Structure formats: C-alpha cells, structure tokens
Amino acid sequence: MNADQVLRSLQQRVELSGELRAHDLEALRTWMELVSRLSKAVLDAKVDERRMRLSEQTAAEFVVAMKAVLVALGHDPSHPAVLRVVSTQLRALDAGAGA
C-alpha cells in the first residue's frame, strides 16, 4: 500500500463507522515516519552533493591561484623542482588536516 491508499482507506473507514482503530493509526504513523526518513535522506544527499561541488570548485580555484603565484615569482609550475616542493607542502597540509 502506498500513502495515498492508506489515507483513502482511513477516510472510508471513518466515513462508514465514524471511528479509527489503533491499527489504522499505526499504519498512518508508519507511513509518516517513512516519508520523513526519505525526505531527510533526499535533503542530506543534496547537501552532500552541494558540499562536494563547492570543494571541487575551491580546489580548482586554488590550483589556478597557486600557478599564478608561481608564474608571478618567475617559476615554471611544471618544473620538477617546483612540483616537488609544491607536492611536499600540499601533502604536509593534507596530513595536518587529517589530524
């Protein structure tokens, strides 16, 4: 049964007898809990997706800025010595963030 069917069944029962049974209310409560959990899961997924896009965008902007700084200082960002220093410092930064 889907939520619409549960509600229609409850409506018919109330119209016919004028009362609801405990089982009817339990079925309604169960459906409301499921809908609530599903709504939260959808919301959480969208927040996580947005957070991931923001992280990716920030990382891309950081790379552009880092390259611009290196070029402005007269360094070739693709030079092996520059790559080694940048790589070492980024690993150290990443290790510090995980601590």
PDB file of N, CA and C in Angstrom:
ATOM      1  N   MET A   1       0.824  -1.192   0.000  1.00  0.00           N
ATOM      2  CA  MET A   1       0.000   0.000   0.000  1.00  0.00           C
ATOM      3  C   MET A   1       0.865   1.252   0.000  1.00  0.00           C
ATOM      4  N   ASN A   2       0.491   2.215  -0.796  1.00  0.00           N
ATOM      5  CA  ASN A   2       1.198   3.490  -0.740  1.00  0.00           C
ATOM      6  C   ASN A   2       0.445   4.443   0.191  1.00  0.00           C
ATOM      7  N   ALA A   3       1.022   5.594   0.441  1.00  0.00           N
ATOM      8  CA  ALA A   3       0.454   6.539   1.404  1.00  0.00           C
ATOM      9  C   ALA A   3      -0.945   6.977   0.986  1.00  0.00           C
ATOM     10  N   ASP A   4      -1.163   7.181  -0.300  1.00  0.00           N
ATOM     11  CA  ASP A   4      -2.477   7.611  -0.769  1.00  0.00           C
ATOM     12  C   ASP A   4      -3.526   6.535  -0.479  1.00  0.00           C
ATOM     13  N   GLN A   5      -3.161   5.288  -0.696  1.00  0.00           N
ATOM     14  CA  GLN A   5      -4.097   4.187  -0.429  1.00  0.00           C
ATOM     15  C   GLN A   5      -4.418   4.091   1.069  1.00  0.00           C
ATOM     16  N   VAL A   6      -3.395   4.273   1.900  1.00  0.00           N
ATOM     17  CA  VAL A   6      -3.610   4.238   3.352  1.00  0.00           C
ATOM     18  C   VAL A   6      -4.586   5.333   3.756  1.00  0.00           C
ATOM     19  N   LEU A   7      -4.359   6.544   3.254  1.00  0.00           N
ATOM     20  CA  LEU A   7      -5.238   7.661   3.611  1.00  0.00           C
ATOM     21  C   LEU A   7      -6.663   7.454   3.102  1.00  0.00           C
ATOM     22  N   ARG A   8      -6.810   6.942   1.898  1.00  0.00           N
ATOM     23  CA  ARG A   8      -8.161   6.690   1.360  1.00  0.00           C
ATOM     24  C   ARG A   8      -8.887   5.619   2.185  1.00  0.00           C
ATOM     25  N   SER A   9      -8.150   4.594   2.556  1.00  0.00           N
ATOM     26  CA  SER A   9      -8.732   3.534   3.380  1.00  0.00           C
ATOM     27  C   SER A   9      -9.188   4.086   4.724  1.00  0.00           C
ATOM     28  N   LEU A  10      -8.354   4.918   5.320  1.00  0.00           N
ATOM     29  CA  LEU A  10      -8.719   5.526   6.601  1.00  0.00           C
ATOM     30  C   LEU A  10      -9.944   6.427   6.448  1.00  0.00           C
ATOM     31  N   GLN A  11      -9.975   7.199   5.377  1.00  0.00           N
ATOM     32  CA  GLN A  11     -11.105   8.092   5.134  1.00  0.00           C
ATOM     33  C   GLN A  11     -12.394   7.293   4.980  1.00  0.00           C
ATOM     34  N   GLN A  12     -12.357   6.204   4.216  1.00  0.00           N
ATOM     35  CA  GLN A  12     -13.548   5.376   4.022  1.00  0.00           C
ATOM     36  C   GLN A  12     -14.016   4.769   5.340  1.00  0.00           C
ATOM     37  N   ARG A  13     -13.059   4.309   6.138  1.00  0.00           N
ATOM     38  CA  ARG A  13     -13.409   3.696   7.406  1.00  0.00           C
ATOM     39  C   ARG A  13     -14.095   4.708   8.331  1.00  0.00           C
ATOM     40  N   VAL A  14     -13.547   5.927   8.372  1.00  0.00           N
ATOM     41  CA  VAL A  14     -14.137   6.967   9.219  1.00  0.00           C
ATOM     42  C   VAL A  14     -15.535   7.322   8.714  1.00  0.00           C
ATOM     43  N   GLU A  15     -15.678   7.412   7.396  1.00  0.00           N
ATOM     44  CA  GLU A  15     -16.988   7.746   6.840  1.00  0.00           C
ATOM     45  C   GLU A  15     -18.027   6.664   7.116  1.00  0.00           C
ATOM     46  N   LEU A  16     -17.589   5.408   7.084  1.00  0.00           N
ATOM     47  CA  LEU A  16     -18.528   4.301   7.310  1.00  0.00           C
ATOM     48  C   LEU A  16     -18.856   4.091   8.788  1.00  0.00           C
ATOM     49  N   SER A  17     -17.827   4.121   9.625  1.00  0.00           N
ATOM     50  CA  SER A  17     -18.043   3.772  11.035  1.00  0.00           C
ATOM     51  C   SER A  17     -17.913   4.955  11.988  1.00  0.00           C
ATOM     52  N   GLY A  18     -17.294   6.014  11.525  1.00  0.00           N
ATOM     53  CA  GLY A  18     -17.093   7.168  12.399  1.00  0.00           C
ATOM     54  C   GLY A  18     -15.967   6.986  13.385  1.00  0.00           C
ATOM     55  N   GLU A  19     -15.144   5.958  13.205  1.00  0.00           N
ATOM     56  CA  GLU A  19     -14.041   5.735  14.155  1.00  0.00           C
ATOM     57  C   GLU A  19     -12.798   5.204  13.437  1.00  0.00           C
ATOM     58  N   LEU A  20     -11.692   5.339  14.108  1.00  0.00           N
ATOM     59  CA  LEU A  20     -10.419   4.788  13.635  1.00  0.00           C
ATOM     60  C   LEU A  20      -9.934   3.757  14.650  1.00  0.00           C
ATOM     61  N   ARG A  21      -9.377   2.693  14.151  1.00  0.00           N
ATOM     62  CA  ARG A  21      -8.816   1.673  15.037  1.00  0.00           C
ATOM     63  C   ARG A  21      -7.341   1.963  15.271  1.00  0.00           C
ATOM     64  N   ALA A  22      -6.799   1.379  16.305  1.00  0.00           N
ATOM     65  CA  ALA A  22      -5.381   1.550  16.630  1.00  0.00           C
ATOM     66  C   ALA A  22      -4.510   1.112  15.460  1.00  0.00           C
ATOM     67  N   HIS A  23      -4.913   0.050  14.783  1.00  0.00           N
ATOM     68  CA  HIS A  23      -4.155  -0.440  13.627  1.00  0.00           C
ATOM     69  C   HIS A  23      -4.103   0.620  12.521  1.00  0.00           C
ATOM     70  N   ASP A  24      -5.192   1.314  12.321  1.00  0.00           N
ATOM     71  CA  ASP A  24      -5.242   2.366  11.298  1.00  0.00           C
ATOM     72  C   ASP A  24      -4.266   3.486  11.626  1.00  0.00           C
ATOM     73  N   LEU A  25      -4.282   3.903  12.870  1.00  0.00           N
ATOM     74  CA  LEU A  25      -3.389   4.983  13.289  1.00  0.00           C
ATOM     75  C   LEU A  25      -1.930   4.543  13.223  1.00  0.00           C
ATOM     76  N   GLU A  26      -1.673   3.293  13.541  1.00  0.00           N
ATOM     77  CA  GLU A  26      -0.302   2.762  13.468  1.00  0.00           C
ATOM     78  C   GLU A  26       0.186   2.751  12.013  1.00  0.00           C
ATOM     79  N   ALA A  27      -0.684   2.364  11.107  1.00  0.00           N
ATOM     80  CA  ALA A  27      -0.322   2.367   9.682  1.00  0.00           C
ATOM     81  C   ALA A  27      -0.003   3.783   9.213  1.00  0.00           C
ATOM     82  N   LEU A  28      -0.799   4.736   9.635  1.00  0.00           N
ATOM     83  CA  LEU A  28      -0.559   6.133   9.270  1.00  0.00           C
ATOM     84  C   LEU A  28       0.752   6.634   9.857  1.00  0.00           C
ATOM     85  N   ARG A  29       1.006   6.308  11.121  1.00  0.00           N
ATOM     86  CA  ARG A  29       2.255   6.718  11.774  1.00  0.00           C
ATOM     87  C   ARG A  29       3.463   6.116  11.051  1.00  0.00           C
ATOM     88  N   THR A  30       3.367   4.851  10.680  1.00  0.00           N
ATOM     89  CA  THR A  30       4.467   4.184   9.971  1.00  0.00           C
ATOM     90  C   THR A  30       4.758   4.882   8.649  1.00  0.00           C
ATOM     91  N   TRP A  31       3.726   5.201   7.897  1.00  0.00           N
ATOM     92  CA  TRP A  31       3.928   5.884   6.616  1.00  0.00           C
ATOM     93  C   TRP A  31       4.528   7.271   6.816  1.00  0.00           C
ATOM     94  N   MET A  32       4.082   7.967   7.846  1.00  0.00           N
ATOM     95  CA  MET A  32       4.631   9.302   8.108  1.00  0.00           C
ATOM     96  C   MET A  32       6.115   9.219   8.476  1.00  0.00           C
ATOM     97  N   GLU A  33       6.490   8.209   9.243  1.00  0.00           N
ATOM     98  CA  GLU A  33       7.902   8.031   9.595  1.00  0.00           C
ATOM     99  C   GLU A  33       8.740   7.725   8.357  1.00  0.00           C
ATOM    100  N   LEU A  34       8.214   6.865   7.488  1.00  0.00           N
ATOM    101  CA  LEU A  34       8.943   6.527   6.263  1.00  0.00           C
ATOM    102  C   LEU A  34       9.127   7.747   5.370  1.00  0.00           C
ATOM    103  N   VAL A  35       8.087   8.526   5.222  1.00  0.00           N
ATOM    104  CA  VAL A  35       8.165   9.741   4.397  1.00  0.00           C
ATOM    105  C   VAL A  35       9.165  10.719   5.003  1.00  0.00           C
ATOM    106  N   SER A  36       9.151  10.839   6.310  1.00  0.00           N
ATOM    107  CA  SER A  36      10.081  11.733   6.992  1.00  0.00           C
ATOM    108  C   SER A  36      11.529  11.299   6.766  1.00  0.00           C
ATOM    109  N   ARG A  37      11.782  10.002   6.921  1.00  0.00           N
ATOM    110  CA  ARG A  37      13.148   9.493   6.708  1.00  0.00           C
ATOM    111  C   ARG A  37      13.593   9.676   5.264  1.00  0.00           C
ATOM    112  N   LEU A  38      12.694   9.412   4.337  1.00  0.00           N
ATOM    113  CA  LEU A  38      13.017   9.582   2.927  1.00  0.00           C
ATOM    114  C   LEU A  38      13.314  11.043   2.603  1.00  0.00           C
ATOM    115  N   SER A  39      12.518  11.948   3.143  1.00  0.00           N
ATOM    116  CA  SER A  39      12.739  13.382   2.918  1.00  0.00           C
ATOM    117  C   SER A  39      14.094  13.821   3.448  1.00  0.00           C
ATOM    118  N   LYS A  40      14.445  13.346   4.635  1.00  0.00           N
ATOM    119  CA  LYS A  40      15.741  13.686   5.225  1.00  0.00           C
ATOM    120  C   LYS A  40      16.882  13.133   4.375  1.00  0.00           C
ATOM    121  N   ALA A  41      16.733  11.906   3.891  1.00  0.00           N
ATOM    122  CA  ALA A  41      17.775  11.306   3.056  1.00  0.00           C
ATOM    123  C   ALA A  41      17.980  12.105   1.773  1.00  0.00           C
ATOM    124  N   VAL A  42      16.885  12.546   1.163  1.00  0.00           N
ATOM    125  CA  VAL A  42      16.977  13.348  -0.063  1.00  0.00           C
ATOM    126  C   VAL A  42      17.656  14.677   0.235  1.00  0.00           C
ATOM    127  N   LEU A  43      17.266  15.318   1.322  1.00  0.00           N
ATOM    128  CA  LEU A  43      17.870  16.590   1.704  1.00  0.00           C
ATOM    129  C   LEU A  43      19.361  16.417   1.986  1.00  0.00           C
ATOM    130  N   ASP A  44      19.719  15.385   2.743  1.00  0.00           N
ATOM    131  CA  ASP A  44      21.126  15.126   3.050  1.00  0.00           C
ATOM    132  C   ASP A  44      21.937  14.878   1.784  1.00  0.00           C
ATOM    133  N   ALA A  45      21.360  14.146   0.847  1.00  0.00           N
ATOM    134  CA  ALA A  45      22.067  13.858  -0.406  1.00  0.00           C
ATOM    135  C   ALA A  45      22.329  15.146  -1.180  1.00  0.00           C
ATOM    136  N   LYS A  46      21.367  16.044  -1.207  1.00  0.00           N
ATOM    137  CA  LYS A  46      21.557  17.308  -1.928  1.00  0.00           C
ATOM    138  C   LYS A  46      22.604  18.175  -1.236  1.00  0.00           C
ATOM    139  N   VAL A  47      22.603  18.178   0.090  1.00  0.00           N
ATOM    140  CA  VAL A  47      23.601  18.951   0.839  1.00  0.00           C
ATOM    141  C   VAL A  47      24.989  18.375   0.578  1.00  0.00           C
ATOM    142  N   ASP A  48      25.118  17.048   0.619  1.00  0.00           N
ATOM    143  CA  ASP A  48      26.407  16.420   0.356  1.00  0.00           C
ATOM    144  C   ASP A  48      26.885  16.699  -1.069  1.00  0.00           C
ATOM    145  N   GLU A  49      25.958  16.656  -2.013  1.00  0.00           N
ATOM    146  CA  GLU A  49      26.303  16.954  -3.403  1.00  0.00           C
ATOM    147  C   GLU A  49      26.791  18.392  -3.544  1.00  0.00           C
ATOM    148  N   ARG A  50      26.092  19.315  -2.905  1.00  0.00           N
ATOM    149  CA  ARG A  50      26.489  20.730  -2.961  1.00  0.00           C
ATOM    150  C   ARG A  50      27.852  20.932  -2.306  1.00  0.00           C
ATOM    151  N   ARG A  51      28.083  20.276  -1.172  1.00  0.00           N
ATOM    152  CA  ARG A  51      29.357  20.373  -0.468  1.00  0.00           C
ATOM    153  C   ARG A  51      30.501  19.848  -1.354  1.00  0.00           C
ATOM    154  N   MET A  52      30.263  18.752  -2.067  1.00  0.00           N
ATOM    155  CA  MET A  52      31.279  18.183  -2.951  1.00  0.00           C
ATOM    156  C   MET A  52      31.580  19.142  -4.101  1.00  0.00           C
ATOM    157  N   ARG A  53      30.542  19.715  -4.702  1.00  0.00           N
ATOM    158  CA  ARG A  53      30.770  20.672  -5.803  1.00  0.00           C
ATOM    159  C   ARG A  53      31.560  21.876  -5.312  1.00  0.00           C
ATOM    160  N   LEU A  54      31.243  22.361  -4.118  1.00  0.00           N
ATOM    161  CA  LEU A  54      31.951  23.505  -3.558  1.00  0.00           C
ATOM    162  C   LEU A  54      33.414  23.162  -3.302  1.00  0.00           C
ATOM    163  N   SER A  55      33.677  21.972  -2.783  1.00  0.00           N
ATOM    164  CA  SER A  55      35.062  21.544  -2.546  1.00  0.00           C
ATOM    165  C   SER A  55      35.838  21.453  -3.856  1.00  0.00           C
ATOM    166  N   GLU A  56      35.208  20.891  -4.864  1.00  0.00           N
ATOM    167  CA  GLU A  56      35.866  20.771  -6.171  1.00  0.00           C
ATOM    168  C   GLU A  56      36.148  22.144  -6.766  1.00  0.00           C
ATOM    169  N   GLN A  57      35.189  23.050  -6.641  1.00  0.00           N
ATOM    170  CA  GLN A  57      35.377  24.404  -7.172  1.00  0.00           C
ATOM    171  C   GLN A  57      36.494  25.121  -6.424  1.00  0.00           C
ATOM    172  N   THR A  58      36.524  24.991  -5.106  1.00  0.00           N
ATOM    173  CA  THR A  58      37.561  25.628  -4.300  1.00  0.00           C
ATOM    174  C   THR A  58      38.938  25.083  -4.667  1.00  0.00           C
ATOM    175  N   ALA A  59      39.028  23.771  -4.852  1.00  0.00           N
ATOM    176  CA  ALA A  59      40.305  23.162  -5.230  1.00  0.00           C
ATOM    177  C   ALA A  59      40.768  23.669  -6.592  1.00  0.00           C
ATOM    178  N   ALA A  60      39.858  23.766  -7.553  1.00  0.00           N
ATOM    179  CA  ALA A  60      40.221  24.257  -8.889  1.00  0.00           C
ATOM    180  C   ALA A  60      40.687  25.710  -8.822  1.00  0.00           C
ATOM    181  N   GLU A  61      40.002  26.528  -8.017  1.00  0.00           N
ATOM    182  CA  GLU A  61      40.410  27.930  -7.875  1.00  0.00           C
ATOM    183  C   GLU A  61      41.770  28.034  -7.185  1.00  0.00           C
ATOM    184  N   PHE A  62      42.041  27.156  -6.228  1.00  0.00           N
ATOM    185  CA  PHE A  62      43.323  27.144  -5.534  1.00  0.00           C
ATOM    186  C   PHE A  62      44.457  26.811  -6.508  1.00  0.00           C
ATOM    187  N   VAL A  63      44.236  25.844  -7.377  1.00  0.00           N
ATOM    188  CA  VAL A  63      45.256  25.462  -8.361  1.00  0.00           C
ATOM    189  C   VAL A  63      45.570  26.639  -9.279  1.00  0.00           C
ATOM    190  N   VAL A  64      44.542  27.325  -9.748  1.00  0.00           N
ATOM    191  CA  VAL A  64      44.754  28.484 -10.625  1.00  0.00           C
ATOM    192  C   VAL A  64      45.550  29.559  -9.892  1.00  0.00           C
ATOM    193  N   ALA A  65      45.177  29.833  -8.640  1.00  0.00           N
ATOM    194  CA  ALA A  65      45.877  30.857  -7.860  1.00  0.00           C
ATOM    195  C   ALA A  65      47.326  30.458  -7.608  1.00  0.00           C
ATOM    196  N   MET A  66      47.559  29.198  -7.269  1.00  0.00           N
ATOM    197  CA  MET A  66      48.917  28.718  -6.997  1.00  0.00           C
ATOM    198  C   MET A  66      49.794  28.850  -8.244  1.00  0.00           C
ATOM    199  N   LYS A  67      49.264  28.483  -9.384  1.00  0.00           N
ATOM    200  CA  LYS A  67      50.032  28.613 -10.626  1.00  0.00           C
ATOM    201  C   LYS A  67      50.335  30.077 -10.918  1.00  0.00           C
ATOM    202  N   ALA A  68      49.367  30.954 -10.699  1.00  0.00           N
ATOM    203  CA  ALA A  68      49.578  32.379 -10.950  1.00  0.00           C
ATOM    204  C   ALA A  68      50.663  32.938 -10.026  1.00  0.00           C
ATOM    205  N   VAL A  69      50.669  32.521  -8.781  1.00  0.00           N
ATOM    206  CA  VAL A  69      51.704  32.977  -7.834  1.00  0.00           C
ATOM    207  C   VAL A  69      53.077  32.504  -8.282  1.00  0.00           C
ATOM    208  N   LEU A  70      53.173  31.241  -8.655  1.00  0.00           N
ATOM    209  CA  LEU A  70      54.464  30.704  -9.091  1.00  0.00           C
ATOM    210  C   LEU A  70      54.980  31.424 -10.334  1.00  0.00           C
ATOM    211  N   VAL A  71      54.090  31.656 -11.284  1.00  0.00           N
ATOM    212  CA  VAL A  71      54.482  32.367 -12.505  1.00  0.00           C
ATOM    213  C   VAL A  71      54.903  33.793 -12.165  1.00  0.00           C
ATOM    214  N   ALA A  72      54.157  34.465 -11.300  1.00  0.00           N
ATOM    215  CA  ALA A  72      54.482  35.844 -10.916  1.00  0.00           C
ATOM    216  C   ALA A  72      55.848  35.923 -10.225  1.00  0.00           C
ATOM    217  N   LEU A  73      56.238  34.848  -9.533  1.00  0.00           N
ATOM    218  CA  LEU A  73      57.542  34.804  -8.867  1.00  0.00           C
ATOM    219  C   LEU A  73      58.660  34.323  -9.802  1.00  0.00           C
ATOM    220  N   GLY A  74      58.291  34.080 -11.063  1.00  0.00           N
ATOM    221  CA  GLY A  74      59.286  33.692 -12.053  1.00  0.00           C
ATOM    222  C   GLY A  74      59.576  32.197 -12.087  1.00  0.00           C
ATOM    223  N   HIS A  75      58.684  31.383 -11.554  1.00  0.00           N
ATOM    224  CA  HIS A  75      58.890  29.927 -11.552  1.00  0.00           C
ATOM    225  C   HIS A  75      57.967  29.270 -12.564  1.00  0.00           C
ATOM    226  N   ASP A  76      58.466  28.193 -13.162  1.00  0.00           N
ATOM    227  CA  ASP A  76      57.668  27.389 -14.090  1.00  0.00           C
ATOM    228  C   ASP A  76      56.933  26.335 -13.257  1.00  0.00           C
ATOM    229  N   PRO A  77      55.591  26.397 -13.181  1.00  0.00           N
ATOM    230  CA  PRO A  77      54.847  25.450 -12.360  1.00  0.00           C
ATOM    231  C   PRO A  77      55.050  23.985 -12.744  1.00  0.00           C
ATOM    232  N   SER A  78      55.498  23.734 -13.972  1.00  0.00           N
ATOM    233  CA  SER A  78      55.712  22.353 -14.399  1.00  0.00           C
ATOM    234  C   SER A  78      57.149  21.883 -14.186  1.00  0.00           C
ATOM    235  N   HIS A  79      58.036  22.746 -13.682  1.00  0.00           N
ATOM    236  CA  HIS A  79      59.427  22.372 -13.431  1.00  0.00           C
ATOM    237  C   HIS A  79      59.455  21.327 -12.301  1.00  0.00           C
ATOM    238  N   PRO A  80      60.265  20.261 -12.466  1.00  0.00           N
ATOM    239  CA  PRO A  80      60.299  19.189 -11.470  1.00  0.00           C
ATOM    240  C   PRO A  80      60.600  19.665 -10.040  1.00  0.00           C
ATOM    241  N   ALA A  81      61.500  20.623  -9.882  1.00  0.00           N
ATOM    242  CA  ALA A  81      61.826  21.101  -8.533  1.00  0.00           C
ATOM    243  C   ALA A  81      60.631  21.831  -7.911  1.00  0.00           C
ATOM    244  N   VAL A  82      59.936  22.612  -8.719  1.00  0.00           N
ATOM    245  CA  VAL A  82      58.752  23.335  -8.237  1.00  0.00           C
ATOM    246  C   VAL A  82      57.645  22.333  -7.889  1.00  0.00           C
ATOM    247  N   LEU A  83      57.437  21.357  -8.755  1.00  0.00           N
ATOM    248  CA  LEU A  83      56.423  20.329  -8.496  1.00  0.00           C
ATOM    249  C   LEU A  83      56.723  19.577  -7.195  1.00  0.00           C
ATOM    250  N   ARG A  84      58.008  19.275  -6.967  1.00  0.00           N
ATOM    251  CA  ARG A  84      58.406  18.543  -5.766  1.00  0.00           C
ATOM    252  C   ARG A  84      58.095  19.362  -4.501  1.00  0.00           C
ATOM    253  N   VAL A  85      58.456  20.644  -4.507  1.00  0.00           N
ATOM    254  CA  VAL A  85      58.213  21.498  -3.341  1.00  0.00           C
ATOM    255  C   VAL A  85      56.711  21.658  -3.093  1.00  0.00           C
ATOM    256  N   VAL A  86      55.954  21.954  -4.141  1.00  0.00           N
ATOM    257  CA  VAL A  86      54.508  22.135  -4.005  1.00  0.00           C
ATOM    258  C   VAL A  86      53.862  20.839  -3.521  1.00  0.00           C
ATOM    259  N   SER A  87      54.253  19.722  -4.105  1.00  0.00           N
ATOM    260  CA  SER A  87      53.696  18.433  -3.724  1.00  0.00           C
ATOM    261  C   SER A  87      53.983  18.113  -2.259  1.00  0.00           C
ATOM    262  N   THR A  88      55.212  18.350  -1.826  1.00  0.00           N
ATOM    263  CA  THR A  88      55.590  18.097  -0.431  1.00  0.00           C
ATOM    264  C   THR A  88      54.767  18.955   0.521  1.00  0.00           C
ATOM    265  N   GLN A  89      54.607  20.217   0.195  1.00  0.00           N
ATOM    266  CA  GLN A  89      53.869  21.127   1.068  1.00  0.00           C
ATOM    267  C   GLN A  89      52.367  20.789   1.103  1.00  0.00           C
ATOM    268  N   LEU A  90      51.819  20.399  -0.031  1.00  0.00           N
ATOM    269  CA  LEU A  90      50.400  20.030  -0.061  1.00  0.00           C
ATOM    270  C   LEU A  90      50.148  18.735   0.718  1.00  0.00           C
ATOM    271  N   ARG A  91      51.068  17.786   0.616  1.00  0.00           N
ATOM    272  CA  ARG A  91      50.936  16.549   1.415  1.00  0.00           C
ATOM    273  C   ARG A  91      50.994  16.872   2.903  1.00  0.00           C
ATOM    274  N   ALA A  92      51.904  17.761   3.294  1.00  0.00           N
ATOM    275  CA  ALA A  92      52.013  18.144   4.706  1.00  0.00           C
ATOM    276  C   ALA A  92      50.731  18.836   5.169  1.00  0.00           C
ATOM    277  N   LEU A  93      50.182  19.665   4.309  1.00  0.00           N
ATOM    278  CA  LEU A  93      48.929  20.350   4.636  1.00  0.00           C
ATOM    279  C   LEU A  93      47.790  19.337   4.789  1.00  0.00           C
ATOM    280  N   ASP A  94      47.735  18.368   3.885  1.00  0.00           N
ATOM    281  CA  ASP A  94      46.692  17.338   3.920  1.00  0.00           C
ATOM    282  C   ASP A  94      46.839  16.473   5.186  1.00  0.00           C
ATOM    283  N   ALA A  95      48.069  16.138   5.531  1.00  0.00           N
ATOM    284  CA  ALA A  95      48.313  15.325   6.729  1.00  0.00           C
ATOM    285  C   ALA A  95      47.892  16.096   7.983  1.00  0.00           C
ATOM    286  N   GLY A  96      48.125  17.395   8.005  1.00  0.00           N
ATOM    287  CA  GLY A  96      47.729  18.228   9.152  1.00  0.00           C
ATOM    288  C   GLY A  96      46.229  18.351   9.258  1.00  0.00           C
ATOM    289  N   ALA A  97      45.545  18.353   8.107  1.00  0.00           N
ATOM    290  CA  ALA A  97      44.084  18.472   8.115  1.00  0.00           C
ATOM    291  C   ALA A  97      43.438  17.198   8.624  1.00  0.00           C
ATOM    292  N   GLY A  98      44.088  16.073   8.414  1.00  0.00           N
ATOM    293  CA  GLY A  98      43.534  14.799   8.859  1.00  0.00           C
ATOM    294  C   GLY A  98      43.789  14.521  10.322  1.00  0.00           C
ATOM    295  N   ALA A  99      44.642  15.324  10.950  1.00  0.00           N
ATOM    296  CA  ALA A  99      44.988  15.054  12.353  1.00  0.00           C
ATOM    297  C   ALA A  99      43.938  15.551  13.312  1.00  0.00           C
TER     298      ALA A  99
END
